[in-house]
Amino acid sequence: MSFDEFDEDLGGEEPLKSKTPATKTPSAGKKITLYFMSTIGPGEKKEKLTVNDSNHVRDIKQTLGNLYGLDPNDFHLSSGGVTLDENSSLKEYHINDGDDILLIPASTAG
């Protein structure tokens, strides 16, 4: 049997549709590398993360919660003694490439 023997019509000749976006939407902010230090639990843990400065604090907390195995509601982020608001972007705090950001327990944040 060869492939020439199959005359079955399988429908129209629609082109395949790609699930990959045709173009990548450029992000509004710039990428910065930050160092996140957890003061929660025994010993300090420090992680290096490259983020977009237009990201909201709540989204970064979600990522850090997964990274550190913490519930994002159990900690706040702090930079330069200021607790970062979850609805604000990093850009609003003028955080620069290479800055340290602290994860502090929600019970001690002010």
Protein backbone atom coordinates (compact mmCIF):
# COMPACT_ATOMS: atom_id res chain seq x y z
CA MET A 1 0.00 0.00 0.00
CA SER A 2 1.31 3.46 -0.82
CA PHE A 3 0.19 6.94 0.10
CA ASP A 4 -1.10 7.46 -3.45
CA GLU A 5 -3.96 5.04 -2.74
CA PHE A 6 -5.63 7.40 -0.24
CA ASP A 7 -7.99 9.76 -2.02
CA GLU A 8 -9.93 10.77 1.09
CA ASP A 9 -10.71 14.50 1.28
CA LEU A 10 -9.77 15.74 4.75
CA GLY A 11 -11.51 19.07 4.43
CA GLY A 12 -10.43 22.52 3.36
CA GLU A 13 -6.90 23.67 2.91
CA GLU A 14 -6.82 26.04 5.91
CA PRO A 15 -3.33 27.09 6.91
CA LEU A 16 -2.14 26.04 10.34
CA LYS A 17 -2.59 28.69 13.00
CA SER A 18 0.37 29.44 15.22
CA LYS A 19 -0.14 29.82 18.95
CA THR A 20 2.99 31.94 19.18
CA PRO A 21 2.34 35.68 19.14
CA ALA A 22 3.43 37.34 15.89
CA THR A 23 5.29 40.07 17.74
CA LYS A 24 6.38 40.45 21.30
CA THR A 25 4.88 43.47 22.99
CA PRO A 26 7.73 45.57 24.37
CA SER A 27 7.58 46.07 28.10
CA ALA A 28 7.12 49.60 29.37
CA GLY A 29 9.95 49.62 31.90
CA LYS A 30 13.58 48.64 31.99
CA LYS A 31 15.17 45.51 33.40
CA ILE A 32 17.08 45.88 36.63
CA THR A 33 18.90 43.35 38.79
CA LEU A 34 17.96 43.45 42.46
CA TYR A 35 19.04 41.51 45.53
CA PHE A 36 16.18 40.29 47.72
CA MET A 37 17.12 39.43 51.29
CA SER A 38 14.72 37.48 53.47
CA THR A 39 14.83 38.22 57.19
CA ILE A 40 12.08 35.65 57.79
CA GLY A 41 13.00 32.39 59.49
CA PRO A 42 16.41 31.19 60.65
CA GLY A 43 19.36 32.77 58.86
CA GLU A 44 19.33 35.35 56.11
CA LYS A 45 18.75 34.23 52.56
CA LYS A 46 19.67 36.42 49.60
CA GLU A 47 18.47 35.92 46.03
CA LYS A 48 19.43 37.82 42.89
CA LEU A 49 16.53 38.54 40.53
CA THR A 50 16.24 40.52 37.31
CA VAL A 51 12.89 42.30 37.15
CA ASN A 52 11.18 44.96 35.08
CA ASP A 53 10.92 48.21 37.03
CA SER A 54 7.36 48.69 35.76
CA ASN A 55 6.24 45.49 37.55
CA HIS A 56 3.87 45.95 40.45
CA VAL A 57 5.14 45.09 43.91
CA ARG A 58 2.34 42.49 44.34
CA ASP A 59 3.60 40.55 41.28
CA ILE A 60 7.16 40.55 42.57
CA LYS A 61 5.91 39.40 46.00
CA GLN A 62 4.14 36.49 44.30
CA THR A 63 7.37 35.44 42.56
CA LEU A 64 9.40 35.82 45.77
CA GLY A 65 6.78 33.87 47.72
CA ASN A 66 7.29 30.96 45.31
CA LEU A 67 11.07 31.34 45.48
CA TYR A 68 11.27 31.42 49.29
CA GLY A 69 8.30 29.13 49.99
CA LEU A 70 6.33 31.92 51.71
CA ASP A 71 2.78 33.21 51.45
CA PRO A 72 2.94 36.70 49.85
CA ASN A 73 0.49 37.92 52.51
CA ASP A 74 3.00 37.05 55.25
CA PHE A 75 5.68 39.55 54.21
CA HIS A 76 6.23 43.04 52.83
CA LEU A 77 9.04 44.42 50.70
CA SER A 78 11.13 47.27 52.03
CA SER A 79 13.69 49.50 50.35
CA GLY A 80 15.62 52.25 52.12
CA GLY A 81 13.42 51.93 55.21
CA VAL A 82 10.21 52.39 53.18
CA THR A 83 7.60 49.63 52.97
CA LEU A 84 6.60 49.22 49.31
CA ASP A 85 2.87 49.44 48.48
CA GLU A 86 1.59 46.38 46.62
CA ASN A 87 -0.33 48.47 44.08
CA SER A 88 2.71 50.56 43.12
CA SER A 89 5.41 49.76 40.59
CA LEU A 90 9.10 49.60 41.48
CA LYS A 91 9.67 52.63 39.27
CA GLU A 92 7.65 54.78 41.69
CA TYR A 93 10.25 54.15 44.41
CA HIS A 94 13.25 55.06 42.24
CA ILE A 95 14.84 51.67 42.86
CA ASN A 96 18.09 51.27 40.95
CA ASP A 97 19.98 48.38 39.44
CA GLY A 98 21.90 46.49 42.16
CA ASP A 99 19.76 47.72 45.09
CA ASP A 100 18.91 45.51 48.06
CA ILE A 101 15.26 44.86 48.89
CA LEU A 102 14.27 43.33 52.24
CA LEU A 103 11.49 40.82 52.81
CA ILE A 104 10.13 41.64 56.25
CA PRO A 105 7.41 39.83 58.21
CA ALA A 106 3.98 41.45 57.80
CA SER A 107 3.61 41.71 61.58
CA THR A 108 6.62 44.06 61.90
CA ALA A 109 6.09 46.22 58.81
CA GLY A 110 4.99 49.78 59.38
